[in-house]
PDB file of N, CA and C in Angstrom:
ATOM      1  N   GLN A   1      33.685-161.577 106.682  1.00  0.00           N
ATOM      2  CA  GLN A   1      33.752-160.081 107.285  1.00  0.00           C
ATOM      3  C   GLN A   1      34.624-159.607 106.292  1.00  0.00           C
ATOM      4  N   THR A   2      33.784-158.384 105.492  1.00  0.00           N
ATOM      5  CA  THR A   2      34.277-157.945 104.552  1.00  0.00           C
ATOM      6  C   THR A   2      34.693-156.428 105.120  1.00  0.00           C
ATOM      7  N   PHE A   3      36.001-156.351 104.677  1.00  0.00           N
ATOM      8  CA  PHE A   3      36.236-154.677 105.316  1.00  0.00           C
ATOM      9  C   PHE A   3      36.004-153.727 104.187  1.00  0.00           C
ATOM     10  N   GLN A   4      36.085-152.595 104.134  1.00  0.00           N
ATOM     11  CA  GLN A   4      35.975-151.555 103.107  1.00  0.00           C
ATOM     12  C   GLN A   4      36.868-150.374 103.687  1.00  0.00           C
ATOM     13  N   VAL A   5      38.016-149.941 103.285  1.00  0.00           N
ATOM     14  CA  VAL A   5      38.539-148.728 103.500  1.00  0.00           C
ATOM     15  C   VAL A   5      38.196-147.264 103.019  1.00  0.00           C
ATOM     16  N   ILE A   6      37.692-146.615 103.548  1.00  0.00           N
ATOM     17  CA  ILE A   6      37.403-145.360 102.782  1.00  0.00           C
ATOM     18  C   ILE A   6      38.240-144.222 103.197  1.00  0.00           C
ATOM     19  N   GLY A   7      39.139-143.760 102.635  1.00  0.00           N
ATOM     20  CA  GLY A   7      39.453-142.006 103.077  1.00  0.00           C
ATOM     21  C   GLY A   7      38.315-140.937 102.973  1.00  0.00           C
ATOM     22  N   LEU A   8      38.134-140.403 104.251  1.00  0.00           N
ATOM     23  CA  LEU A   8      37.081-139.248 104.064  1.00  0.00           C
ATOM     24  C   LEU A   8      37.782-137.800 103.791  1.00  0.00           C
ATOM     25  N   SER A   9      38.964-137.347 104.734  1.00  0.00           N
ATOM     26  CA  SER A   9      39.522-136.147 104.558  1.00  0.00           C
ATOM     27  C   SER A   9      40.580-135.903 105.414  1.00  0.00           C
ATOM     28  N   ALA A  10      41.173-134.759 105.297  1.00  0.00           N
ATOM     29  CA  ALA A  10      42.105-134.834 106.002  1.00  0.00           C
ATOM     30  C   ALA A  10      41.443-134.160 107.719  1.00  0.00           C
ATOM     31  N   SER A  11      40.819-134.083 107.425  1.00  0.00           N
ATOM     32  CA  SER A  11      39.723-133.571 108.849  1.00  0.00           C
ATOM     33  C   SER A  11      38.291-134.521 108.841  1.00  0.00           C
ATOM     34  N   LEU A  12      38.531-135.000 109.869  1.00  0.00           N
ATOM     35  CA  LEU A  12      36.952-135.887 110.327  1.00  0.00           C
ATOM     36  C   LEU A  12      35.963-134.794 110.222  1.00  0.00           C
ATOM     37  N   THR A  13      36.250-133.712 111.106  1.00  0.00           N
ATOM     38  CA  THR A  13      34.854-133.047 111.704  1.00  0.00           C
ATOM     39  C   THR A  13      35.106-131.459 111.459  1.00  0.00           C
ATOM     40  N   TYR A  14      34.364-130.827 111.083  1.00  0.00           N
ATOM     41  CA  TYR A  14      34.796-128.835 111.218  1.00  0.00           C
ATOM     42  C   TYR A  14      34.508-128.530 112.596  1.00  0.00           C
ATOM     43  N   ALA A  15      33.858-129.717 113.690  1.00  0.00           N
ATOM     44  CA  ALA A  15      34.148-129.027 115.080  1.00  0.00           C
ATOM     45  C   ALA A  15      35.185-128.402 115.577  1.00  0.00           C
ATOM     46  N   VAL A  16      34.842-127.407 116.820  1.00  0.00           N
ATOM     47  CA  VAL A  16      35.662-126.781 117.305  1.00  0.00           C
ATOM     48  C   VAL A  16      35.940-126.728 118.618  1.00  0.00           C
ATOM     49  N   GLY A  17      37.673-127.291 119.155  1.00  0.00           N
ATOM     50  CA  GLY A  17      37.377-127.676 121.001  1.00  0.00           C
ATOM     51  C   GLY A  17      37.549-128.773 120.842  1.00  0.00           C
ATOM     52  N   GLU A  18      38.815-129.180 121.991  1.00  0.00           N
ATOM     53  CA  GLU A  18      38.396-131.090 122.230  1.00  0.00           C
ATOM     54  C   GLU A  18      37.360-131.614 122.186  1.00  0.00           C
ATOM     55  N   ASP A  19      36.607-131.384 123.209  1.00  0.00           N
ATOM     56  CA  ASP A  19      35.254-132.096 123.370  1.00  0.00           C
ATOM     57  C   ASP A  19      34.410-132.202 122.707  1.00  0.00           C
ATOM     58  N   SER A  20      34.187-131.506 121.679  1.00  0.00           N
ATOM     59  CA  SER A  20      33.538-131.372 120.534  1.00  0.00           C
ATOM     60  C   SER A  20      33.870-132.362 119.095  1.00  0.00           C
ATOM     61  N   VAL A  21      35.179-132.304 118.923  1.00  0.00           N
ATOM     62  CA  VAL A  21      35.446-132.944 118.112  1.00  0.00           C
ATOM     63  C   VAL A  21      35.490-134.698 118.369  1.00  0.00           C
ATOM     64  N   LYS A  22      35.509-134.709 120.099  1.00  0.00           N
ATOM     65  CA  LYS A  22      35.326-136.222 120.390  1.00  0.00           C
ATOM     66  C   LYS A  22      34.199-136.719 119.970  1.00  0.00           C
ATOM     67  N   LYS A  23      33.501-136.162 120.257  1.00  0.00           N
ATOM     68  CA  LYS A  23      31.846-135.885 120.398  1.00  0.00           C
ATOM     69  C   LYS A  23      31.495-136.783 118.698  1.00  0.00           C
ATOM     70  N   SER A  24      32.216-135.872 118.018  1.00  0.00           N
ATOM     71  CA  SER A  24      31.871-135.742 116.458  1.00  0.00           C
ATOM     72  C   SER A  24      32.208-136.982 115.408  1.00  0.00           C
ATOM     73  N   ILE A  25      33.193-137.626 116.330  1.00  0.00           N
ATOM     74  CA  ILE A  25      34.397-138.800 115.487  1.00  0.00           C
ATOM     75  C   ILE A  25      33.480-139.794 116.118  1.00  0.00           C
ATOM     76  N   THR A  26      33.468-139.602 117.619  1.00  0.00           N
ATOM     77  CA  THR A  26      33.139-140.506 117.720  1.00  0.00           C
ATOM     78  C   THR A  26      31.560-140.761 117.180  1.00  0.00           C
ATOM     79  N   ARG A  27      30.481-140.206 117.088  1.00  0.00           N
ATOM     80  CA  ARG A  27      29.413-140.532 116.337  1.00  0.00           C
ATOM     81  C   ARG A  27      29.561-140.755 115.113  1.00  0.00           C
ATOM     82  N   LEU A  28      31.047-140.276 114.371  1.00  0.00           N
ATOM     83  CA  LEU A  28      30.795-140.650 112.589  1.00  0.00           C
ATOM     84  C   LEU A  28      31.255-142.161 112.562  1.00  0.00           C
ATOM     85  N   CYS A  29      32.151-142.577 113.641  1.00  0.00           N
ATOM     86  CA  CYS A  29      32.397-143.833 113.826  1.00  0.00           C
ATOM     87  C   CYS A  29      31.372-144.855 113.892  1.00  0.00           C
ATOM     88  N   ARG A  30      30.650-144.359 115.222  1.00  0.00           N
ATOM     89  CA  ARG A  30      28.977-144.916 115.317  1.00  0.00           C
ATOM     90  C   ARG A  30      28.020-145.359 114.308  1.00  0.00           C
ATOM     91  N   GLU A  31      28.236-143.851 113.605  1.00  0.00           N
ATOM     92  CA  GLU A  31      27.616-144.112 112.381  1.00  0.00           C
ATOM     93  C   GLU A  31      27.338-145.538 111.423  1.00  0.00           C
ATOM     94  N   LEU A  32      29.077-145.144 111.246  1.00  0.00           N
ATOM     95  CA  LEU A  32      29.823-145.563 110.172  1.00  0.00           C
ATOM     96  C   LEU A  32      30.745-147.276 110.433  1.00  0.00           C
ATOM     97  N   ARG A  33      29.845-147.439 111.845  1.00  0.00           N
ATOM     98  CA  ARG A  33      30.520-149.082 112.317  1.00  0.00           C
ATOM     99  C   ARG A  33      31.889-148.342 112.241  1.00  0.00           C
ATOM    100  N   VAL A  34      32.704-147.867 112.641  1.00  0.00           N
ATOM    101  CA  VAL A  34      34.334-147.814 111.839  1.00  0.00           C
ATOM    102  C   VAL A  34      34.963-148.446 113.514  1.00  0.00           C
ATOM    103  N   GLN A  35      35.865-149.753 113.120  1.00  0.00           N
ATOM    104  CA  GLN A  35      36.414-150.480 113.998  1.00  0.00           C
ATOM    105  C   GLN A  35      37.674-150.146 114.248  1.00  0.00           C
ATOM    106  N   LYS A  36      38.497-149.100 113.832  1.00  0.00           N
ATOM    107  CA  LYS A  36      39.591-148.493 113.940  1.00  0.00           C
ATOM    108  C   LYS A  36      39.976-147.382 112.401  1.00  0.00           C
ATOM    109  N   LEU A  37      40.674-146.232 113.395  1.00  0.00           N
ATOM    110  CA  LEU A  37      40.591-145.207 112.592  1.00  0.00           C
ATOM    111  C   LEU A  37      42.292-144.975 112.547  1.00  0.00           C
ATOM    112  N   VAL A  38      42.963-145.432 111.700  1.00  0.00           N
ATOM    113  CA  VAL A  38      44.363-144.871 111.094  1.00  0.00           C
ATOM    114  C   VAL A  38      45.121-143.855 110.683  1.00  0.00           C
ATOM    115  N   SER A  39      45.748-142.996 111.254  1.00  0.00           N
ATOM    116  CA  SER A  39      46.300-141.571 110.729  1.00  0.00           C
ATOM    117  C   SER A  39      47.578-142.332 110.300  1.00  0.00           C
ATOM    118  N   PRO A  40      48.850-141.851 109.785  1.00  0.00           N
ATOM    119  CA  PRO A  40      49.924-141.954 109.450  1.00  0.00           C
ATOM    120  C   PRO A  40      51.251-141.124 110.487  1.00  0.00           C
ATOM    121  N   SER A  41      51.659-141.544 110.766  1.00  0.00           N
ATOM    122  CA  SER A  41      52.883-140.886 111.594  1.00  0.00           C
ATOM    123  C   SER A  41      53.510-139.608 111.006  1.00  0.00           C
ATOM    124  N   ILE A  42      54.096-138.830 111.923  1.00  0.00           N
ATOM    125  CA  ILE A  42      54.684-137.890 110.680  1.00  0.00           C
ATOM    126  C   ILE A  42      56.205-138.776 109.879  1.00  0.00           C
ATOM    127  N   GLU A  43      56.601-139.659 110.756  1.00  0.00           N
ATOM    128  CA  GLU A  43      57.577-140.901 110.038  1.00  0.00           C
ATOM    129  C   GLU A  43      57.187-141.458 108.401  1.00  0.00           C
ATOM    130  N   ASP A  44      55.991-141.469 108.703  1.00  0.00           N
ATOM    131  CA  ASP A  44      55.168-141.855 107.388  1.00  0.00           C
ATOM    132  C   ASP A  44      54.725-141.164 106.847  1.00  0.00           C
ATOM    133  N   LEU A  45      54.559-139.885 106.822  1.00  0.00           N
ATOM    134  CA  LEU A  45      54.338-138.103 106.191  1.00  0.00           C
ATOM    135  C   LEU A  45      55.628-138.530 105.457  1.00  0.00           C
ATOM    136  N   LYS A  46      56.868-138.346 106.570  1.00  0.00           N
ATOM    137  CA  LYS A  46      57.734-137.524 105.563  1.00  0.00           C
ATOM    138  C   LYS A  46      58.364-138.682 104.625  1.00  0.00           C
ATOM    139  N   ARG A  47      58.362-140.129 104.811  1.00  0.00           N
ATOM    140  CA  ARG A  47      58.541-140.711 103.666  1.00  0.00           C
ATOM    141  C   ARG A  47      57.441-140.931 102.302  1.00  0.00           C
ATOM    142  N   GLY A  48      56.353-140.122 102.797  1.00  0.00           N
ATOM    143  CA  GLY A  48      55.684-140.126 101.820  1.00  0.00           C
ATOM    144  C   GLY A  48      55.900-139.245 100.874  1.00  0.00           C
ATOM    145  N   GLY A  49      56.642-138.274 101.205  1.00  0.00           N
ATOM    146  CA  GLY A  49      57.385-136.921 100.628  1.00  0.00           C
ATOM    147  C   GLY A  49      57.249-135.639 101.322  1.00  0.00           C
ATOM    148  N   TYR A  50      56.163-135.636 102.785  1.00  0.00           N
ATOM    149  CA  TYR A  50      56.078-134.568 102.911  1.00  0.00           C
ATOM    150  C   TYR A  50      57.211-134.166 103.745  1.00  0.00           C
ATOM    151  N   THR A  51      56.942-132.332 103.941  1.00  0.00           N
ATOM    152  CA  THR A  51      57.819-131.583 104.593  1.00  0.00           C
ATOM    153  C   THR A  51      57.590-130.734 105.462  1.00  0.00           C
ATOM    154  N   PRO A  52      57.646-130.615 107.126  1.00  0.00           N
ATOM    155  CA  PRO A  52      57.319-130.228 107.948  1.00  0.00           C
ATOM    156  C   PRO A  52      57.857-128.659 107.620  1.00  0.00           C
ATOM    157  N   PRO A  53      56.689-127.946 107.793  1.00  0.00           N
ATOM    158  CA  PRO A  53      57.564-126.404 107.462  1.00  0.00           C
ATOM    159  C   PRO A  53      58.265-125.595 108.625  1.00  0.00           C
ATOM    160  N   HIS A  54      58.659-126.269 109.581  1.00  0.00           N
ATOM    161  CA  HIS A  54      59.772-125.904 110.483  1.00  0.00           C
ATOM    162  C   HIS A  54      59.544-124.758 110.931  1.00  0.00           C
ATOM    163  N   GLY A  55      58.216-124.012 110.813  1.00  0.00           N
ATOM    164  CA  GLY A  55      58.147-122.536 111.679  1.00  0.00           C
ATOM    165  C   GLY A  55      58.301-121.243 110.985  1.00  0.00           C
ATOM    166  N   GLN A  56      58.142-121.902 109.663  1.00  0.00           N
ATOM    167  CA  GLN A  56      57.705-120.802 108.791  1.00  0.00           C
ATOM    168  C   GLN A  56      56.589-120.832 107.612  1.00  0.00           C
ATOM    169  N   ASN A  57      55.944-119.656 107.254  1.00  0.00           N
ATOM    170  CA  ASN A  57      54.693-119.416 106.929  1.00  0.00           C
ATOM    171  C   ASN A  57      54.918-120.185 105.133  1.00  0.00           C
ATOM    172  N   ILE A  58      53.931-121.294 105.276  1.00  0.00           N
ATOM    173  CA  ILE A  58      53.991-121.534 103.619  1.00  0.00           C
ATOM    174  C   ILE A  58      52.261-121.009 103.276  1.00  0.00           C
ATOM    175  N   GLU A  59      52.665-120.302 102.191  1.00  0.00           N
ATOM    176  CA  GLU A  59      51.712-119.365 101.399  1.00  0.00           C
ATOM    177  C   GLU A  59      50.881-120.531 100.210  1.00  0.00           C
ATOM    178  N   VAL A  60      50.075-120.519 100.663  1.00  0.00           N
ATOM    179  CA  VAL A  60      48.989-121.825  99.549  1.00  0.00           C
ATOM    180  C   VAL A  60      48.385-120.355  98.349  1.00  0.00           C
ATOM    181  N   GLU A  61      48.317-121.148  96.923  1.00  0.00           N
ATOM    182  CA  GLU A  61      47.689-119.960  95.847  1.00  0.00           C
ATOM    183  C   GLU A  61      46.186-120.765  96.294  1.00  0.00           C
ATOM    184  N   ARG A  62      45.230-119.535  95.746  1.00  0.00           N
ATOM    185  CA  ARG A  62      44.187-120.387  95.708  1.00  0.00           C
ATOM    186  C   ARG A  62      43.872-120.188  94.452  1.00  0.00           C
ATOM    187  N   CYS A  63      42.833-121.097  94.024  1.00  0.00           N
ATOM    188  CA  CYS A  63      42.796-120.679  92.564  1.00  0.00           C
ATOM    189  C   CYS A  63      41.492-119.994  92.053  1.00  0.00           C
ATOM    190  N   ASN A  64      40.780-119.184  91.477  1.00  0.00           N
ATOM    191  CA  ASN A  64      40.247-118.634  91.536  1.00  0.00           C
ATOM    192  C   ASN A  64      38.940-119.203  90.546  1.00  0.00           C
ATOM    193  N   GLU A  65      39.379-120.040  90.138  1.00  0.00           N
ATOM    194  CA  GLU A  65      38.195-121.015  89.540  1.00  0.00           C
ATOM    195  C   GLU A  65      38.114-122.403  90.001  1.00  0.00           C
ATOM    196  N   SER A  66      36.446-122.849  90.187  1.00  0.00           N
ATOM    197  CA  SER A  66      36.359-124.187  90.399  1.00  0.00           C
ATOM    198  C   SER A  66      36.651-124.803  89.540  1.00  0.00           C
ATOM    199  N   PRO A  67      37.214-126.021  89.938  1.00  0.00           N
ATOM    200  CA  PRO A  67      37.443-127.312  88.498  1.00  0.00           C
ATOM    201  C   PRO A  67      35.802-127.070  87.929  1.00  0.00           C
ATOM    202  N   GLU A  68      36.345-127.919  86.920  1.00  0.00           N
ATOM    203  CA  GLU A  68      34.401-128.313  85.863  1.00  0.00           C
ATOM    204  C   GLU A  68      33.821-129.126  86.646  1.00  0.00           C
ATOM    205  N   GLY A  69      32.636-128.784  86.604  1.00  0.00           N
ATOM    206  CA  GLY A  69      31.579-129.334  87.516  1.00  0.00           C
ATOM    207  C   GLY A  69      31.347-129.289  88.683  1.00  0.00           C
ATOM    208  N   VAL A  70      32.403-128.680  89.335  1.00  0.00           N
ATOM    209  CA  VAL A  70      31.988-128.408  90.889  1.00  0.00           C
ATOM    210  C   VAL A  70      31.475-126.414  90.981  1.00  0.00           C
ATOM    211  N   LEU A  71      30.790-126.555  92.228  1.00  0.00           N
ATOM    212  CA  LEU A  71      29.596-126.045  92.637  1.00  0.00           C
ATOM    213  C   LEU A  71      30.744-124.715  92.692  1.00  0.00           C
ATOM    214  N   LEU A  72      30.094-123.320  92.155  1.00  0.00           N
ATOM    215  CA  LEU A  72      31.078-122.076  92.152  1.00  0.00           C
ATOM    216  C   LEU A  72      31.399-122.057  93.964  1.00  0.00           C
ATOM    217  N   ARG A  73      32.416-121.385  94.239  1.00  0.00           N
ATOM    218  CA  ARG A  73      32.198-121.131  96.147  1.00  0.00           C
ATOM    219  C   ARG A  73      31.341-120.057  95.851  1.00  0.00           C
ATOM    220  N   SER A  74      30.856-119.369  94.883  1.00  0.00           N
ATOM    221  CA  SER A  74      29.753-117.967  95.601  1.00  0.00           C
ATOM    222  C   SER A  74      28.323-118.664  95.584  1.00  0.00           C
ATOM    223  N   LEU A  75      28.231-120.125  94.710  1.00  0.00           N
ATOM    224  CA  LEU A  75      27.069-120.306  95.177  1.00  0.00           C
ATOM    225  C   LEU A  75      26.742-121.468  96.077  1.00  0.00           C
ATOM    226  N   ARG A  76      28.254-121.385  96.783  1.00  0.00           N
ATOM    227  CA  ARG A  76      27.550-122.867  98.283  1.00  0.00           C
ATOM    228  C   ARG A  76      27.408-122.550  99.458  1.00  0.00           C
ATOM    229  N   LYS A  77      25.954-122.895 100.111  1.00  0.00           N
ATOM    230  CA  LYS A  77      26.203-122.649 100.876  1.00  0.00           C
ATOM    231  C   LYS A  77      26.209-123.629 102.458  1.00  0.00           C
ATOM    232  N   PRO A  78      27.074-123.158 103.096  1.00  0.00           N
ATOM    233  CA  PRO A  78      27.224-124.272 104.008  1.00  0.00           C
ATOM    234  C   PRO A  78      26.449-125.156 104.814  1.00  0.00           C
ATOM    235  N   HIS A  79      24.959-124.282 104.558  1.00  0.00           N
ATOM    236  CA  HIS A  79      23.385-124.973 105.754  1.00  0.00           C
ATOM    237  C   HIS A  79      22.683-125.653 104.908  1.00  0.00           C
ATOM    238  N   LYS A  80      23.158-125.978 103.753  1.00  0.00           N
ATOM    239  CA  LYS A  80      22.399-126.831 102.814  1.00  0.00           C
ATOM    240  C   LYS A  80      23.510-127.551 101.732  1.00  0.00           C
ATOM    241  N   VAL A  81      24.636-128.154 102.173  1.00  0.00           N
ATOM    242  CA  VAL A  81      25.093-128.991 101.924  1.00  0.00           C
ATOM    243  C   VAL A  81      24.950-130.491 101.391  1.00  0.00           C
ATOM    244  N   TYR A  82      24.031-130.359 102.224  1.00  0.00           N
ATOM    245  CA  TYR A  82      23.347-132.280 102.325  1.00  0.00           C
ATOM    246  C   TYR A  82      22.136-132.078 101.239  1.00  0.00           C
ATOM    247  N   GLU A  83      21.614-131.112 101.106  1.00  0.00           N
ATOM    248  CA  GLU A  83      20.443-130.710  99.965  1.00  0.00           C
ATOM    249  C   GLU A  83      20.678-130.223  98.585  1.00  0.00           C
ATOM    250  N   THR A  84      22.387-129.822  98.493  1.00  0.00           N
ATOM    251  CA  THR A  84      22.742-129.018  97.229  1.00  0.00           C
ATOM    252  C   THR A  84      23.539-130.839  97.053  1.00  0.00           C
ATOM    253  N   PHE A  85      23.867-131.292  97.596  1.00  0.00           N
ATOM    254  CA  PHE A  85      24.475-132.370  97.154  1.00  0.00           C
ATOM    255  C   PHE A  85      23.593-133.364  96.562  1.00  0.00           C
ATOM    256  N   MET A  86      22.224-134.069  97.370  1.00  0.00           N
ATOM    257  CA  MET A  86      21.209-134.576  96.491  1.00  0.00           C
ATOM    258  C   MET A  86      21.002-134.152  95.558  1.00  0.00           C
ATOM    259  N   THR A  87      20.423-132.984  95.552  1.00  0.00           N
ATOM    260  CA  THR A  87      19.885-132.128  94.219  1.00  0.00           C
ATOM    261  C   THR A  87      21.117-132.780  93.256  1.00  0.00           C
ATOM    262  N   ARG A  88      22.104-131.840  93.180  1.00  0.00           N
ATOM    263  CA  ARG A  88      22.712-131.697  92.312  1.00  0.00           C
ATOM    264  C   ARG A  88      22.860-133.377  91.697  1.00  0.00           C
ATOM    265  N   PHE A  89      23.287-134.485  92.795  1.00  0.00           N
ATOM    266  CA  PHE A  89      23.335-135.980  92.265  1.00  0.00           C
ATOM    267  C   PHE A  89      22.187-136.202  91.699  1.00  0.00           C
ATOM    268  N   GLN A  90      20.741-135.874  92.144  1.00  0.00           N
ATOM    269  CA  GLN A  90      19.587-136.628  91.403  1.00  0.00           C
ATOM    270  C   GLN A  90      19.175-135.567  89.707  1.00  0.00           C
ATOM    271  N   THR A  91      19.662-134.720  89.169  1.00  0.00           N
ATOM    272  CA  THR A  91      19.679-133.847  88.564  1.00  0.00           C
ATOM    273  C   THR A  91      21.004-134.351  87.328  1.00  0.00           C
ATOM    274  N   GLY A  92      22.101-135.243  87.768  1.00  0.00           N
ATOM    275  CA  GLY A  92      23.052-135.387  86.985  1.00  0.00           C
ATOM    276  C   GLY A  92      23.834-134.555  86.814  1.00  0.00           C
ATOM    277  N   GLN A  93      23.608-133.610  87.579  1.00  0.00           N
ATOM    278  CA  GLN A  93      24.910-132.343  88.079  1.00  0.00           C
ATOM    279  C   GLN A  93      26.204-132.896  88.687  1.00  0.00           C
ATOM    280  N   ALA A  94      26.427-134.529  89.470  1.00  0.00           N
ATOM    281  CA  ALA A  94      27.442-134.436  90.626  1.00  0.00           C
ATOM    282  C   ALA A  94      28.626-134.709  89.252  1.00  0.00           C
ATOM    283  N   THR A  95      29.675-134.044  89.866  1.00  0.00           N
ATOM    284  CA  THR A  95      30.658-135.069  89.817  1.00  0.00           C
ATOM    285  C   THR A  95      31.003-136.588  89.794  1.00  0.00           C
ATOM    286  N   ASP A  96      32.727-136.537  88.955  1.00  0.00           N
ATOM    287  CA  ASP A  96      32.579-138.281  89.163  1.00  0.00           C
ATOM    288  C   ASP A  96      32.695-138.202  90.476  1.00  0.00           C
ATOM    289  N   CYS A  97      33.638-137.846  91.277  1.00  0.00           N
ATOM    290  CA  CYS A  97      34.201-138.082  92.801  1.00  0.00           C
ATOM    291  C   CYS A  97      32.613-138.592  93.441  1.00  0.00           C
ATOM    292  N   SER A  98      31.493-137.236  93.336  1.00  0.00           N
ATOM    293  CA  SER A  98      31.041-137.360  94.443  1.00  0.00           C
ATOM    294  C   SER A  98      29.747-138.636  93.787  1.00  0.00           C
ATOM    295  N   ARG A  99      29.864-138.939  92.760  1.00  0.00           N
ATOM    296  CA  ARG A  99      29.222-140.126  92.151  1.00  0.00           C
ATOM    297  C   ARG A  99      30.007-141.349  92.898  1.00  0.00           C
ATOM    298  N   MET A 100      30.985-141.347  92.838  1.00  0.00           N
ATOM    299  CA  MET A 100      31.870-142.379  93.376  1.00  0.00           C
ATOM    300  C   MET A 100      31.356-142.805  95.127  1.00  0.00           C
ATOM    301  N   VAL A 101      31.242-141.159  95.629  1.00  0.00           N
ATOM    302  CA  VAL A 101      31.285-141.145  97.049  1.00  0.00           C
ATOM    303  C   VAL A 101      29.897-141.426  97.123  1.00  0.00           C
ATOM    304  N   MET A 102      29.046-141.411  96.519  1.00  0.00           N
ATOM    305  CA  MET A 102      27.358-141.901  96.613  1.00  0.00           C
ATOM    306  C   MET A 102      27.302-143.472  95.996  1.00  0.00           C
ATOM    307  N   ALA A 103      28.032-144.075  96.169  1.00  0.00           N
ATOM    308  CA  ALA A 103      28.408-145.876  95.352  1.00  0.00           C
ATOM    309  C   ALA A 103      28.744-146.567  96.938  1.00  0.00           C
ATOM    310  N   VAL A 104      29.547-145.311  97.304  1.00  0.00           N
ATOM    311  CA  VAL A 104      30.063-146.102  98.752  1.00  0.00           C
ATOM    312  C   VAL A 104      29.310-145.508  99.783  1.00  0.00           C
ATOM    313  N   ILE A 105      28.776-144.631  99.481  1.00  0.00           N
ATOM    314  CA  ILE A 105      27.075-145.126 100.709  1.00  0.00           C
ATOM    315  C   ILE A 105      26.314-145.796 100.603  1.00  0.00           C
ATOM    316  N   ARG A 106      26.469-145.594  99.631  1.00  0.00           N
ATOM    317  CA  ARG A 106      24.952-147.068  99.046  1.00  0.00           C
ATOM    318  C   ARG A 106      25.369-148.444  99.574  1.00  0.00           C
ATOM    319  N   SER A 107      26.380-148.194  99.258  1.00  0.00           N
ATOM    320  CA  SER A 107      27.447-150.148  99.243  1.00  0.00           C
ATOM    321  C   SER A 107      27.044-150.637 100.918  1.00  0.00           C
ATOM    322  N   LEU A 108      27.734-149.133 101.998  1.00  0.00           N
ATOM    323  CA  LEU A 108      27.587-149.271 103.328  1.00  0.00           C
ATOM    324  C   LEU A 108      26.387-149.237 104.019  1.00  0.00           C
ATOM    325  N   GLU A 109      25.113-148.499 103.132  1.00  0.00           N
ATOM    326  CA  GLU A 109      24.069-148.803 103.643  1.00  0.00           C
ATOM    327  C   GLU A 109      22.999-150.530 103.328  1.00  0.00           C
ATOM    328  N   ALA A 110      23.679-150.723 102.493  1.00  0.00           N
ATOM    329  CA  ALA A 110      22.994-151.653 102.038  1.00  0.00           C
ATOM    330  C   ALA A 110      23.559-153.101 103.059  1.00  0.00           C
ATOM    331  N   LEU A 111      25.112-153.062 103.366  1.00  0.00           N
ATOM    332  CA  LEU A 111      25.788-153.733 104.508  1.00  0.00           C
ATOM    333  C   LEU A 111      24.635-153.825 105.445  1.00  0.00           C
ATOM    334  N   ALA A 112      24.443-152.503 106.119  1.00  0.00           N
ATOM    335  CA  ALA A 112      23.766-152.035 107.339  1.00  0.00           C
ATOM    336  C   ALA A 112      22.226-152.667 107.240  1.00  0.00           C
ATOM    337  N   LYS A 113      22.057-153.162 106.122  1.00  0.00           N
ATOM    338  CA  LYS A 113      20.486-153.834 106.173  1.00  0.00           C
ATOM    339  C   LYS A 113      20.254-155.267 106.505  1.00  0.00           C
TER     340      LYS A 113
END
């Protein structure tokens, strides 16, 4: 049996509320045939250099410019994420990261056939 490790995101869903989050993650696991979700413990995070804020607010400066090749924030439409991704991929406008994500998706689809 072949195993593939995929790092999805810090958040597996944009759902809000415990029930909605559980449903979304369950669907994701079923669709990707995920058998195990692994998250690092707070101790592992600390060993890796993470320092918890201890009740203080952390300000994060946001860059006003998108990295090269990334769609500008002003042009993003949340309800068209898939359509935009596929169009950019098919027209050669996808970033290297997007092309790698697509390669992983296609390899998973090939395994599912």
